[in-house]
PDB file of N, CA and C in Angstrom:
ATOM      1  N   UNK A   1       0.838  -1.188   0.000  1.00  0.00           N
ATOM      2  CA  UNK A   1       0.000   0.000   0.000  1.00  0.00           C
ATOM      3  C   UNK A   1       0.885   1.254   0.000  1.00  0.00           C
ATOM      4  N   UNK A   2       0.599   2.150  -0.883  1.00  0.00           N
ATOM      5  CA  UNK A   2       1.376   3.380  -1.003  1.00  0.00           C
ATOM      6  C   UNK A   2       0.963   4.343   0.116  1.00  0.00           C
ATOM      7  N   UNK A   3       1.978   4.921   0.769  1.00  0.00           N
ATOM      8  CA  UNK A   3       1.750   5.839   1.884  1.00  0.00           C
ATOM      9  C   UNK A   3       2.481   7.155   1.632  1.00  0.00           C
ATOM     10  N   UNK A   4       2.168   8.163   2.460  1.00  0.00           N
ATOM     11  CA  UNK A   4       2.857   9.442   2.363  1.00  0.00           C
ATOM     12  C   UNK A   4       4.360   9.237   2.518  1.00  0.00           C
ATOM     13  N   UNK A   5       5.124   9.958   1.719  1.00  0.00           N
ATOM     14  CA  UNK A   5       6.584   9.955   1.657  1.00  0.00           C
ATOM     15  C   UNK A   5       7.173   8.745   0.943  1.00  0.00           C
ATOM     16  N   UNK A   6       6.321   7.837   0.443  1.00  0.00           N
ATOM     17  CA  UNK A   6       6.819   6.742  -0.393  1.00  0.00           C
ATOM     18  C   UNK A   6       7.231   7.299  -1.746  1.00  0.00           C
ATOM     19  N   UNK A   7       8.269   6.732  -2.318  1.00  0.00           N
ATOM     20  CA  UNK A   7       8.620   7.038  -3.696  1.00  0.00           C
ATOM     21  C   UNK A   7       7.797   6.125  -4.592  1.00  0.00           C
ATOM     22  N   UNK A   8       7.354   6.667  -5.722  1.00  0.00           N
ATOM     23  CA  UNK A   8       6.510   5.914  -6.659  1.00  0.00           C
ATOM     24  C   UNK A   8       7.058   6.075  -8.073  1.00  0.00           C
ATOM     25  N   UNK A   9       6.551   5.231  -8.963  1.00  0.00           N
ATOM     26  CA  UNK A   9       6.885   5.295 -10.381  1.00  0.00           C
ATOM     27  C   UNK A   9       5.635   5.721 -11.146  1.00  0.00           C
ATOM     28  N   UNK A  10       5.794   6.664 -12.053  1.00  0.00           N
ATOM     29  CA  UNK A  10       4.697   7.126 -12.897  1.00  0.00           C
ATOM     30  C   UNK A  10       4.397   6.084 -13.973  1.00  0.00           C
ATOM     31  N   UNK A  11       3.128   5.709 -14.117  1.00  0.00           N
ATOM     32  CA  UNK A  11       2.698   4.704 -15.109  1.00  0.00           C
ATOM     33  C   UNK A  11       2.307   5.295 -16.459  1.00  0.00           C
ATOM     34  N   UNK A  12       2.248   6.612 -16.561  1.00  0.00           N
ATOM     35  CA  UNK A  12       1.783   7.274 -17.782  1.00  0.00           C
ATOM     36  C   UNK A  12       2.684   8.466 -18.090  1.00  0.00           C
ATOM     37  N   UNK A  13       2.635   8.942 -19.315  1.00  0.00           N
ATOM     38  CA  UNK A  13       3.279  10.208 -19.673  1.00  0.00           C
ATOM     39  C   UNK A  13       2.354  11.359 -19.287  1.00  0.00           C
ATOM     40  N   UNK A  14       2.937  12.431 -18.790  1.00  0.00           N
ATOM     41  CA  UNK A  14       2.204  13.675 -18.514  1.00  0.00           C
ATOM     42  C   UNK A  14       2.935  14.808 -19.231  1.00  0.00           C
ATOM     43  N   UNK A  15       2.725  14.934 -20.544  1.00  0.00           N
ATOM     44  CA  UNK A  15       3.493  15.914 -21.327  1.00  0.00           C
ATOM     45  C   UNK A  15       3.307  17.353 -20.863  1.00  0.00           C
ATOM     46  N   UNK A  16       2.175  17.674 -20.266  1.00  0.00           N
ATOM     47  CA  UNK A  16       1.953  19.042 -19.798  1.00  0.00           C
ATOM     48  C   UNK A  16       2.899  19.422 -18.662  1.00  0.00           C
ATOM     49  N   UNK A  17       3.501  18.423 -18.003  1.00  0.00           N
ATOM     50  CA  UNK A  17       4.481  18.655 -16.938  1.00  0.00           C
ATOM     51  C   UNK A  17       5.877  18.182 -17.333  1.00  0.00           C
ATOM     52  N   UNK A  18       6.051  17.736 -18.568  1.00  0.00           N
ATOM     53  CA  UNK A  18       7.305  17.146 -19.056  1.00  0.00           C
ATOM     54  C   UNK A  18       7.692  15.927 -18.226  1.00  0.00           C
ATOM     55  N   UNK A  19       6.698  15.160 -17.790  1.00  0.00           N
ATOM     56  CA  UNK A  19       6.937  13.924 -17.046  1.00  0.00           C
ATOM     57  C   UNK A  19       6.654  12.739 -17.952  1.00  0.00           C
ATOM     58  N   UNK A  20       7.443  11.688 -17.767  1.00  0.00           N
ATOM     59  CA  UNK A  20       7.311  10.496 -18.612  1.00  0.00           C
ATOM     60  C   UNK A  20       7.138   9.254 -17.760  1.00  0.00           C
ATOM     61  N   UNK A  21       6.496   8.248 -18.367  1.00  0.00           N
ATOM     62  CA  UNK A  21       6.343   6.975 -17.712  1.00  0.00           C
ATOM     63  C   UNK A  21       7.717   6.531 -17.198  1.00  0.00           C
ATOM     64  N   UNK A  22       7.757   6.097 -15.950  1.00  0.00           N
ATOM     65  CA  UNK A  22       9.011   5.662 -15.349  1.00  0.00           C
ATOM     66  C   UNK A  22       9.658   6.708 -14.457  1.00  0.00           C
ATOM     67  N   UNK A  23       9.203   7.971 -14.542  1.00  0.00           N
ATOM     68  CA  UNK A  23       9.755   8.996 -13.647  1.00  0.00           C
ATOM     69  C   UNK A  23       9.386   8.674 -12.200  1.00  0.00           C
ATOM     70  N   UNK A  24      10.254   9.069 -11.292  1.00  0.00           N
ATOM     71  CA  UNK A  24      10.088   8.773  -9.869  1.00  0.00           C
ATOM     72  C   UNK A  24       9.608  10.031  -9.152  1.00  0.00           C
ATOM     73  N   UNK A  25       8.592   9.872  -8.315  1.00  0.00           N
ATOM     74  CA  UNK A  25       8.081  10.973  -7.514  1.00  0.00           C
ATOM     75  C   UNK A  25       7.913  10.542  -6.074  1.00  0.00           C
ATOM     76  N   UNK A  26       7.585  11.507  -5.211  1.00  0.00           N
ATOM     77  CA  UNK A  26       7.358  11.248  -3.794  1.00  0.00           C
ATOM     78  C   UNK A  26       5.923  11.620  -3.445  1.00  0.00           C
ATOM     79  N   UNK A  27       5.224  10.722  -2.795  1.00  0.00           N
ATOM     80  CA  UNK A  27       3.842  10.965  -2.373  1.00  0.00           C
ATOM     81  C   UNK A  27       3.860  11.962  -1.218  1.00  0.00           C
ATOM     82  N   UNK A  28       3.155  13.080  -1.386  1.00  0.00           N
ATOM     83  CA  UNK A  28       3.072  14.078  -0.327  1.00  0.00           C
ATOM     84  C   UNK A  28       1.705  14.084   0.353  1.00  0.00           C
ATOM     85  N   UNK A  29       0.720  13.449  -0.265  1.00  0.00           N
ATOM     86  CA  UNK A  29      -0.621  13.362   0.325  1.00  0.00           C
ATOM     87  C   UNK A  29      -1.353  12.171  -0.275  1.00  0.00           C
ATOM     88  N   UNK A  30      -2.044  11.422   0.574  1.00  0.00           N
ATOM     89  CA  UNK A  30      -2.862  10.291   0.120  1.00  0.00           C
ATOM     90  C   UNK A  30      -4.321  10.724   0.198  1.00  0.00           C
ATOM     91  N   UNK A  31      -5.065  10.520  -0.897  1.00  0.00           N
ATOM     92  CA  UNK A  31      -6.484  10.884  -0.954  1.00  0.00           C
ATOM     93  C   UNK A  31      -7.372   9.663  -0.752  1.00  0.00           C
ATOM     94  N   UNK A  32      -8.465   9.829  -0.051  1.00  0.00           N
ATOM     95  CA  UNK A  32      -9.549   8.850   0.082  1.00  0.00           C
ATOM     96  C   UNK A  32      -9.115   7.392   0.013  1.00  0.00           C
ATOM     97  N   UNK A  33      -8.485   6.919   1.059  1.00  0.00           N
ATOM     98  CA  UNK A  33      -8.119   5.502   1.172  1.00  0.00           C
ATOM     99  C   UNK A  33      -7.327   5.018  -0.042  1.00  0.00           C
ATOM    100  N   UNK A  34      -6.364   5.814  -0.463  1.00  0.00           N
ATOM    101  CA  UNK A  34      -5.440   5.480  -1.557  1.00  0.00           C
ATOM    102  C   UNK A  34      -6.085   5.441  -2.935  1.00  0.00           C
ATOM    103  N   UNK A  35      -7.208   6.156  -3.116  1.00  0.00           N
ATOM    104  CA  UNK A  35      -7.788   6.257  -4.464  1.00  0.00           C
ATOM    105  C   UNK A  35      -6.967   7.192  -5.346  1.00  0.00           C
ATOM    106  N   UNK A  36      -6.209   8.077  -4.716  1.00  0.00           N
ATOM    107  CA  UNK A  36      -5.382   9.011  -5.460  1.00  0.00           C
ATOM    108  C   UNK A  36      -4.303   9.592  -4.569  1.00  0.00           C
ATOM    109  N   UNK A  37      -3.391  10.332  -5.191  1.00  0.00           N
ATOM    110  CA  UNK A  37      -2.227  10.843  -4.485  1.00  0.00           C
ATOM    111  C   UNK A  37      -1.815  12.197  -5.036  1.00  0.00           C
ATOM    112  N   UNK A  38      -1.270  13.050  -4.170  1.00  0.00           N
ATOM    113  CA  UNK A  38      -0.519  14.222  -4.601  1.00  0.00           C
ATOM    114  C   UNK A  38       0.928  13.770  -4.630  1.00  0.00           C
ATOM    115  N   UNK A  39       1.586  13.956  -5.760  1.00  0.00           N
ATOM    116  CA  UNK A  39       2.950  13.467  -5.932  1.00  0.00           C
ATOM    117  C   UNK A  39       3.847  14.618  -6.373  1.00  0.00           C
ATOM    118  N   UNK A  40       4.989  14.756  -5.708  1.00  0.00           N
ATOM    119  CA  UNK A  40       5.982  15.761  -6.071  1.00  0.00           C
ATOM    120  C   UNK A  40       7.082  15.096  -6.889  1.00  0.00           C
ATOM    121  N   UNK A  41       7.413  15.722  -8.006  1.00  0.00           N
ATOM    122  CA  UNK A  41       8.499  15.262  -8.858  1.00  0.00           C
ATOM    123  C   UNK A  41       9.605  16.310  -8.784  1.00  0.00           C
ATOM    124  N   UNK A  42      10.824  15.844  -8.498  1.00  0.00           N
ATOM    125  CA  UNK A  42      11.951  16.734  -8.250  1.00  0.00           C
ATOM    126  C   UNK A  42      13.102  16.349  -9.167  1.00  0.00           C
ATOM    127  N   UNK A  43      13.778  17.354  -9.743  1.00  0.00           N
ATOM    128  CA  UNK A  43      14.970  17.078 -10.563  1.00  0.00           C
ATOM    129  C   UNK A  43      16.103  16.618  -9.646  1.00  0.00           C
ATOM    130  N   UNK A  44      17.135  16.037 -10.228  1.00  0.00           N
ATOM    131  CA  UNK A  44      18.242  15.527  -9.431  1.00  0.00           C
ATOM    132  C   UNK A  44      19.017  16.623  -8.709  1.00  0.00           C
ATOM    133  N   UNK A  45      18.888  17.878  -9.160  1.00  0.00           N
ATOM    134  CA  UNK A  45      19.552  18.974  -8.454  1.00  0.00           C
ATOM    135  C   UNK A  45      18.639  19.645  -7.421  1.00  0.00           C
ATOM    136  N   UNK A  46      17.463  19.048  -7.159  1.00  0.00           N
ATOM    137  CA  UNK A  46      16.602  19.493  -6.069  1.00  0.00           C
ATOM    138  C   UNK A  46      15.481  20.439  -6.436  1.00  0.00           C
ATOM    139  N   UNK A  47      15.320  20.776  -7.709  1.00  0.00           N
ATOM    140  CA  UNK A  47      14.249  21.677  -8.132  1.00  0.00           C
ATOM    141  C   UNK A  47      12.931  20.911  -8.264  1.00  0.00           C
ATOM    142  N   UNK A  48      11.879  21.424  -7.641  1.00  0.00           N
ATOM    143  CA  UNK A  48      10.559  20.820  -7.820  1.00  0.00           C
ATOM    144  C   UNK A  48      10.107  21.081  -9.246  1.00  0.00           C
ATOM    145  N   UNK A  49       9.827  20.008  -9.967  1.00  0.00           N
ATOM    146  CA  UNK A  49       9.388  20.101 -11.358  1.00  0.00           C
ATOM    147  C   UNK A  49       7.873  20.233 -11.412  1.00  0.00           C
ATOM    148  N   UNK A  50       7.170  19.457 -10.574  1.00  0.00           N
ATOM    149  CA  UNK A  50       5.706  19.484 -10.564  1.00  0.00           C
ATOM    150  C   UNK A  50       5.194  18.815  -9.306  1.00  0.00           C
ATOM    151  N   UNK A  51       4.031  19.262  -8.869  1.00  0.00           N
ATOM    152  CA  UNK A  51       3.245  18.565  -7.854  1.00  0.00           C
ATOM    153  C   UNK A  51       1.914  18.265  -8.534  1.00  0.00           C
ATOM    154  N   UNK A  52       1.596  16.975  -8.662  1.00  0.00           N
ATOM    155  CA  UNK A  52       0.490  16.545  -9.509  1.00  0.00           C
ATOM    156  C   UNK A  52      -0.460  15.651  -8.723  1.00  0.00           C
ATOM    157  N   UNK A  53      -1.771  15.833  -8.935  1.00  0.00           N
ATOM    158  CA  UNK A  53      -2.778  14.915  -8.394  1.00  0.00           C
ATOM    159  C   UNK A  53      -2.939  13.758  -9.366  1.00  0.00           C
ATOM    160  N   UNK A  54      -2.798  12.541  -8.856  1.00  0.00           N
ATOM    161  CA  UNK A  54      -2.856  11.350  -9.708  1.00  0.00           C
ATOM    162  C   UNK A  54      -3.771  10.301  -9.106  1.00  0.00           C
ATOM    163  N   UNK A  55      -4.446   9.550  -9.964  1.00  0.00           N
ATOM    164  CA  UNK A  55      -5.230   8.403  -9.523  1.00  0.00           C
ATOM    165  C   UNK A  55      -4.296   7.234  -9.233  1.00  0.00           C
ATOM    166  N   UNK A  56      -4.759   6.303  -8.423  1.00  0.00           N
ATOM    167  CA  UNK A  56      -3.942   5.157  -8.026  1.00  0.00           C
ATOM    168  C   UNK A  56      -3.433   4.362  -9.229  1.00  0.00           C
ATOM    169  N   UNK A  57      -4.226   4.235 -10.280  1.00  0.00           N
ATOM    170  CA  UNK A  57      -3.792   3.451 -11.439  1.00  0.00           C
ATOM    171  C   UNK A  57      -2.705   4.157 -12.264  1.00  0.00           C
ATOM    172  N   UNK A  58      -2.440   5.417 -11.965  1.00  0.00           N
ATOM    173  CA  UNK A  58      -1.428   6.166 -12.713  1.00  0.00           C
ATOM    174  C   UNK A  58      -0.027   6.061 -12.101  1.00  0.00           C
ATOM    175  N   UNK A  59       0.064   5.415 -10.947  1.00  0.00           N
ATOM    176  CA  UNK A  59       1.351   5.252 -10.270  1.00  0.00           C
ATOM    177  C   UNK A  59       1.488   3.820  -9.770  1.00  0.00           C
ATOM    178  N   UNK A  60       2.724   3.459  -9.417  1.00  0.00           N
ATOM    179  CA  UNK A  60       2.959   2.156  -8.809  1.00  0.00           C
ATOM    180  C   UNK A  60       4.125   2.278  -7.842  1.00  0.00           C
ATOM    181  N   UNK A  61       4.192   1.373  -6.874  1.00  0.00           N
ATOM    182  CA  UNK A  61       5.334   1.409  -5.964  1.00  0.00           C
ATOM    183  C   UNK A  61       6.615   0.987  -6.688  1.00  0.00           C
ATOM    184  N   UNK A  62       7.742   1.382  -6.152  1.00  0.00           N
ATOM    185  CA  UNK A  62       9.025   0.931  -6.689  1.00  0.00           C
ATOM    186  C   UNK A  62       9.206  -0.534  -6.326  1.00  0.00           C
ATOM    187  N   UNK A  63       9.572  -1.327  -7.306  1.00  0.00           N
ATOM    188  CA  UNK A  63       9.774  -2.755  -7.089  1.00  0.00           C
ATOM    189  C   UNK A  63      11.218  -3.079  -6.758  1.00  0.00           C
ATOM    190  N   UNK A  64      11.445  -4.318  -6.428  1.00  0.00           N
ATOM    191  CA  UNK A  64      12.799  -4.776  -6.151  1.00  0.00           C
ATOM    192  C   UNK A  64      13.600  -4.835  -7.449  1.00  0.00           C
ATOM    193  N   UNK A  65      14.878  -4.604  -7.327  1.00  0.00           N
ATOM    194  CA  UNK A  65      15.833  -4.717  -8.436  1.00  0.00           C
ATOM    195  C   UNK A  65      15.476  -3.827  -9.627  1.00  0.00           C
ATOM    196  N   UNK A  66      15.025  -2.605  -9.339  1.00  0.00           N
ATOM    197  CA  UNK A  66      14.815  -1.603 -10.383  1.00  0.00           C
ATOM    198  C   UNK A  66      15.940  -0.584 -10.273  1.00  0.00           C
ATOM    199  N   UNK A  67      16.265   0.044 -11.376  1.00  0.00           N
ATOM    200  CA  UNK A  67      17.337   1.027 -11.400  1.00  0.00           C
ATOM    201  C   UNK A  67      16.798   2.340 -11.967  1.00  0.00           C
ATOM    202  N   UNK A  68      17.244   3.454 -11.399  1.00  0.00           N
ATOM    203  CA  UNK A  68      16.829   4.769 -11.879  1.00  0.00           C
ATOM    204  C   UNK A  68      17.599   5.131 -13.144  1.00  0.00           C
ATOM    205  N   UNK A  69      17.022   6.010 -13.945  1.00  0.00           N
ATOM    206  CA  UNK A  69      17.642   6.468 -15.190  1.00  0.00           C
ATOM    207  C   UNK A  69      17.453   7.980 -15.273  1.00  0.00           C
ATOM    208  N   UNK A  70      18.505   8.713 -15.516  1.00  0.00           N
ATOM    209  CA  UNK A  70      18.420  10.173 -15.614  1.00  0.00           C
ATOM    210  C   UNK A  70      18.145  10.598 -17.051  1.00  0.00           C
ATOM    211  N   UNK A  71      17.394  11.706 -17.203  1.00  0.00           N
ATOM    212  CA  UNK A  71      17.132  12.286 -18.517  1.00  0.00           C
ATOM    213  C   UNK A  71      16.968  13.784 -18.335  1.00  0.00           C
ATOM    214  N   UNK A  72      17.339  14.573 -19.337  1.00  0.00           N
ATOM    215  CA  UNK A  72      17.158  16.024 -19.235  1.00  0.00           C
ATOM    216  C   UNK A  72      15.690  16.395 -19.401  1.00  0.00           C
ATOM    217  N   UNK A  73      15.282  17.453 -18.732  1.00  0.00           N
ATOM    218  CA  UNK A  73      13.927  17.979 -18.890  1.00  0.00           C
ATOM    219  C   UNK A  73      13.894  18.935 -20.062  1.00  0.00           C
ATOM    220  N   UNK A  74      12.793  18.925 -20.783  1.00  0.00           N
ATOM    221  CA  UNK A  74      12.600  19.899 -21.848  1.00  0.00           C
ATOM    222  C   UNK A  74      12.128  21.201 -21.258  1.00  0.00           C
ATOM    223  N   UNK A  75      12.049  22.209 -22.078  1.00  0.00           N
ATOM    224  CA  UNK A  75      11.549  23.511 -21.635  1.00  0.00           C
ATOM    225  C   UNK A  75      10.047  23.428 -21.437  1.00  0.00           C
ATOM    226  N   UNK A  76       9.583  23.948 -20.314  1.00  0.00           N
ATOM    227  CA  UNK A  76       8.139  23.974 -20.048  1.00  0.00           C
ATOM    228  C   UNK A  76       7.642  25.393 -20.336  1.00  0.00           C
ATOM    229  N   UNK A  77       6.630  25.482 -21.157  1.00  0.00           N
ATOM    230  CA  UNK A  77       6.096  26.788 -21.553  1.00  0.00           C
ATOM    231  C   UNK A  77       5.256  27.382 -20.451  1.00  0.00           C
TER     232      UNK A  77
END
């Protein structure tokens, strides 16, 4: 069960925030018995990229033996 401060993996692309499937975020708020979450996505240098409300099916917990991958962010208009 995903809880506040858990790291999660994004299951979908969110082009309006320049977020892609596989990006890692941190749960900052759990809504209605885990039906949804407020998730903060932060660049590796510590800049908050987005705080997004997501449904439970749009995220998943980090599994065992997964590895992170870095990518540059595009310009957000």
